[in-house]
Amino acid sequence: YQNAALFSSMTLAENVMLPLEEYTELSPAEARQVASLKLGLVGLAGFEDYLHAQISGGMRKRAGLARAMALDPEILFFDEPSAGLSPALQDEVFIRCHKINQAGVSIVMVEQNASRCLQICHRGYVLDQGTNAYSDTGRNLLHDPKVIELYLGTLARVD
């Protein structure tokens, strides 16, 4: 989604409140409280009344994450959550994902930043040409010579 699929005419809190209003019986005040909590969890406390045009790209991604977490899902799916971000913001996204996972939410992530992703994942799958090449714990994959060769080979093909 463009702009983390945030509605441009709504504040961050209103964007996060949308699924709560649609799928729960919470009062507007309760929904606002949950929205503030979720925004706080992704480091956006105090930004509840900002519009998406008033925040950075990294903040938009985090606001989208807060909305995805609004209904307390058991599983979150990510497609390239660090794409287009500076290295520092990429690290922040991975740290947030790791903390969310530690809180009991399962995360399925497709990510090209293999080394960073494998540092935080419990189980990783490294694909080559669309086939499941390797599967193991993230840390084991990081140190697997065949995976390293595959990853370095991919970098060489890109260059």
Protein backbone atom coordinates (compact mmCIF):
# COMPACT_ATOMS: atom_id res chain seq x y z
CA TYR A 1 0.00 0.00 0.00
CA GLN A 2 1.07 3.57 -0.60
CA ASN A 3 1.55 5.72 2.50
CA ALA A 4 1.07 2.64 4.74
CA ALA A 5 -2.57 2.56 3.57
CA LEU A 6 -3.44 5.47 5.83
CA PHE A 7 -6.44 7.58 4.94
CA SER A 8 -5.13 11.08 4.24
CA SER A 9 -8.20 12.87 5.62
CA MET A 10 -7.98 11.09 8.98
CA THR A 11 -5.61 11.61 11.89
CA LEU A 12 -3.35 8.76 12.99
CA ALA A 13 -5.70 8.01 15.89
CA GLU A 14 -8.71 7.95 13.56
CA ASN A 15 -6.86 5.58 11.20
CA VAL A 16 -6.11 3.21 14.08
CA MET A 17 -9.65 3.54 15.46
CA LEU A 18 -11.25 2.57 12.13
CA PRO A 19 -11.07 -1.23 12.58
CA LEU A 20 -12.11 -0.85 16.22
CA GLU A 21 -15.21 1.08 15.18
CA GLU A 22 -16.04 -1.44 12.46
CA TYR A 23 -15.46 -4.69 14.36
CA THR A 24 -15.91 -4.01 18.08
CA GLU A 25 -18.50 -2.59 20.46
CA LEU A 26 -16.05 -0.11 22.00
CA SER A 27 -17.26 3.40 22.68
CA PRO A 28 -15.46 6.22 20.81
CA ALA A 29 -13.58 7.10 24.00
CA GLU A 30 -12.48 3.49 24.51
CA ALA A 31 -11.45 3.19 20.86
CA ARG A 32 -9.42 6.38 21.19
CA GLN A 33 -7.71 4.94 24.28
CA VAL A 34 -6.79 1.75 22.41
CA ALA A 35 -5.55 3.81 19.44
CA SER A 36 -3.32 5.87 21.73
CA LEU A 37 -1.95 2.68 23.29
CA LYS A 38 -1.20 1.08 19.91
CA LEU A 39 0.44 4.26 18.61
CA GLY A 40 2.52 4.35 21.79
CA LEU A 41 3.63 0.77 21.21
CA VAL A 42 5.15 1.77 17.87
CA GLY A 43 6.80 4.91 19.22
CA LEU A 44 4.16 7.41 18.10
CA ALA A 45 2.76 8.55 21.45
CA GLY A 46 1.79 12.20 21.13
CA PHE A 47 1.18 11.99 17.38
CA GLU A 48 -2.47 10.91 17.62
CA ASP A 49 -3.81 14.10 15.99
CA TYR A 50 -1.30 14.29 13.14
CA LEU A 51 -2.31 13.65 9.53
CA HIS A 52 -0.19 11.29 7.43
CA ALA A 53 1.10 14.26 5.38
CA GLN A 54 2.61 15.71 8.55
CA ILE A 55 4.82 12.72 9.39
CA SER A 56 7.81 10.95 7.83
CA GLY A 57 7.75 7.74 5.81
CA GLY A 58 9.06 5.72 8.74
CA MET A 59 6.37 7.14 10.99
CA ARG A 60 3.74 6.22 8.37
CA LYS A 61 4.94 2.62 8.38
CA ARG A 62 4.72 2.53 12.15
CA ALA A 63 1.23 4.09 12.09
CA GLY A 64 0.17 1.37 9.63
CA LEU A 65 1.60 -1.20 12.03
CA ALA A 66 -0.38 0.34 14.91
CA ARG A 67 -3.57 0.03 12.87
CA ALA A 68 -2.74 -3.58 11.95
CA MET A 69 -2.37 -4.30 15.68
CA ALA A 70 -5.60 -2.53 16.65
CA LEU A 71 -7.65 -5.74 16.88
CA ASP A 72 -4.88 -7.71 18.64
CA PRO A 73 -4.28 -10.24 15.85
CA GLU A 74 -2.54 -13.51 16.54
CA ILE A 75 -0.52 -13.22 13.32
CA LEU A 76 0.86 -10.20 11.44
CA PHE A 77 2.01 -10.48 7.84
CA PHE A 78 4.68 -8.10 6.50
CA ASP A 79 5.84 -7.60 2.94
CA GLU A 80 9.16 -5.73 2.88
CA PRO A 81 8.51 -3.63 6.01
CA SER A 82 11.94 -1.99 5.75
CA ALA A 83 11.76 -1.08 2.06
CA GLY A 84 12.55 2.52 1.29
CA LEU A 85 13.78 3.35 4.79
CA SER A 86 17.18 4.56 5.94
CA PRO A 87 19.36 1.97 7.71
CA ALA A 88 18.51 3.52 11.09
CA LEU A 89 14.78 3.35 10.40
CA GLN A 90 15.15 -0.20 9.08
CA ASP A 91 16.71 -1.18 12.40
CA GLU A 92 13.85 0.49 14.25
CA VAL A 93 11.26 -1.44 12.23
CA PHE A 94 13.02 -4.74 12.94
CA ILE A 95 13.32 -3.93 16.65
CA ARG A 96 9.58 -3.09 16.81
CA CYS A 97 8.70 -6.32 14.99
CA HIS A 98 10.89 -8.30 17.37
CA LYS A 99 9.25 -6.70 20.43
CA ILE A 100 5.78 -7.41 19.01
CA ASN A 101 6.79 -11.02 18.47
CA GLN A 102 8.16 -11.28 22.02
CA ALA A 103 4.76 -10.04 23.25
CA GLY A 104 3.16 -13.14 21.71
CA VAL A 105 2.19 -12.12 18.19
CA SER A 106 3.42 -14.42 15.41
CA ILE A 107 4.98 -12.60 12.48
CA VAL A 108 5.36 -13.81 8.91
CA MET A 109 7.72 -11.53 7.01
CA VAL A 110 8.96 -11.39 3.44
CA GLU A 111 12.14 -9.36 3.49
CA GLN A 112 15.16 -8.88 1.26
CA ASN A 113 17.32 -7.59 4.12
CA ALA A 114 18.17 -11.19 4.91
CA SER A 115 20.95 -10.65 7.43
CA ARG A 116 18.89 -8.33 9.66
CA CYS A 117 15.76 -10.42 9.35
CA LEU A 118 17.55 -13.65 10.20
CA GLN A 119 19.03 -12.04 13.33
CA ILE A 120 15.58 -11.69 14.89
CA CYS A 121 13.55 -14.59 13.47
CA HIS A 122 12.88 -17.91 15.17
CA ARG A 123 12.61 -19.80 11.89
CA GLY A 124 13.81 -18.63 8.52
CA TYR A 125 13.32 -19.76 4.96
CA VAL A 126 15.83 -18.68 2.34
CA LEU A 127 14.50 -18.97 -1.19
CA ASP A 128 16.50 -19.16 -4.38
CA GLN A 129 14.75 -18.71 -7.71
CA GLY A 130 11.38 -19.31 -6.05
CA THR A 131 12.20 -22.66 -4.46
CA ASN A 132 12.59 -23.38 -0.75
CA ALA A 133 16.35 -23.67 -0.57
CA TYR A 134 16.98 -23.69 3.19
CA SER A 135 14.97 -23.72 6.39
CA ASP A 136 16.34 -23.50 9.92
CA THR A 137 16.53 -21.16 12.86
CA GLY A 138 17.49 -17.66 11.84
CA ARG A 139 20.81 -17.75 13.65
CA ASN A 140 21.79 -21.10 12.08
CA LEU A 141 20.94 -19.78 8.62
CA LEU A 142 23.11 -16.72 9.24
CA HIS A 143 26.11 -18.99 9.75
CA ASP A 144 25.32 -21.62 7.10
CA PRO A 145 28.07 -21.50 4.43
CA LYS A 146 25.63 -22.51 1.67
CA VAL A 147 23.21 -19.71 2.60
CA ILE A 148 26.07 -17.21 2.80
CA GLU A 149 27.25 -18.30 -0.64
CA LEU A 150 23.71 -18.03 -1.99
CA TYR A 151 23.29 -14.56 -0.46
CA LEU A 152 26.68 -13.34 -1.73
CA GLY A 153 25.94 -14.83 -5.13
CA THR A 154 22.68 -12.86 -5.22
CA LEU A 155 24.58 -9.68 -4.39
CA ALA A 156 27.08 -10.41 -7.14
CA ARG A 157 24.25 -10.94 -9.66
CA VAL A 158 22.66 -7.63 -8.67
CA ASP A 159 25.93 -5.72 -9.12
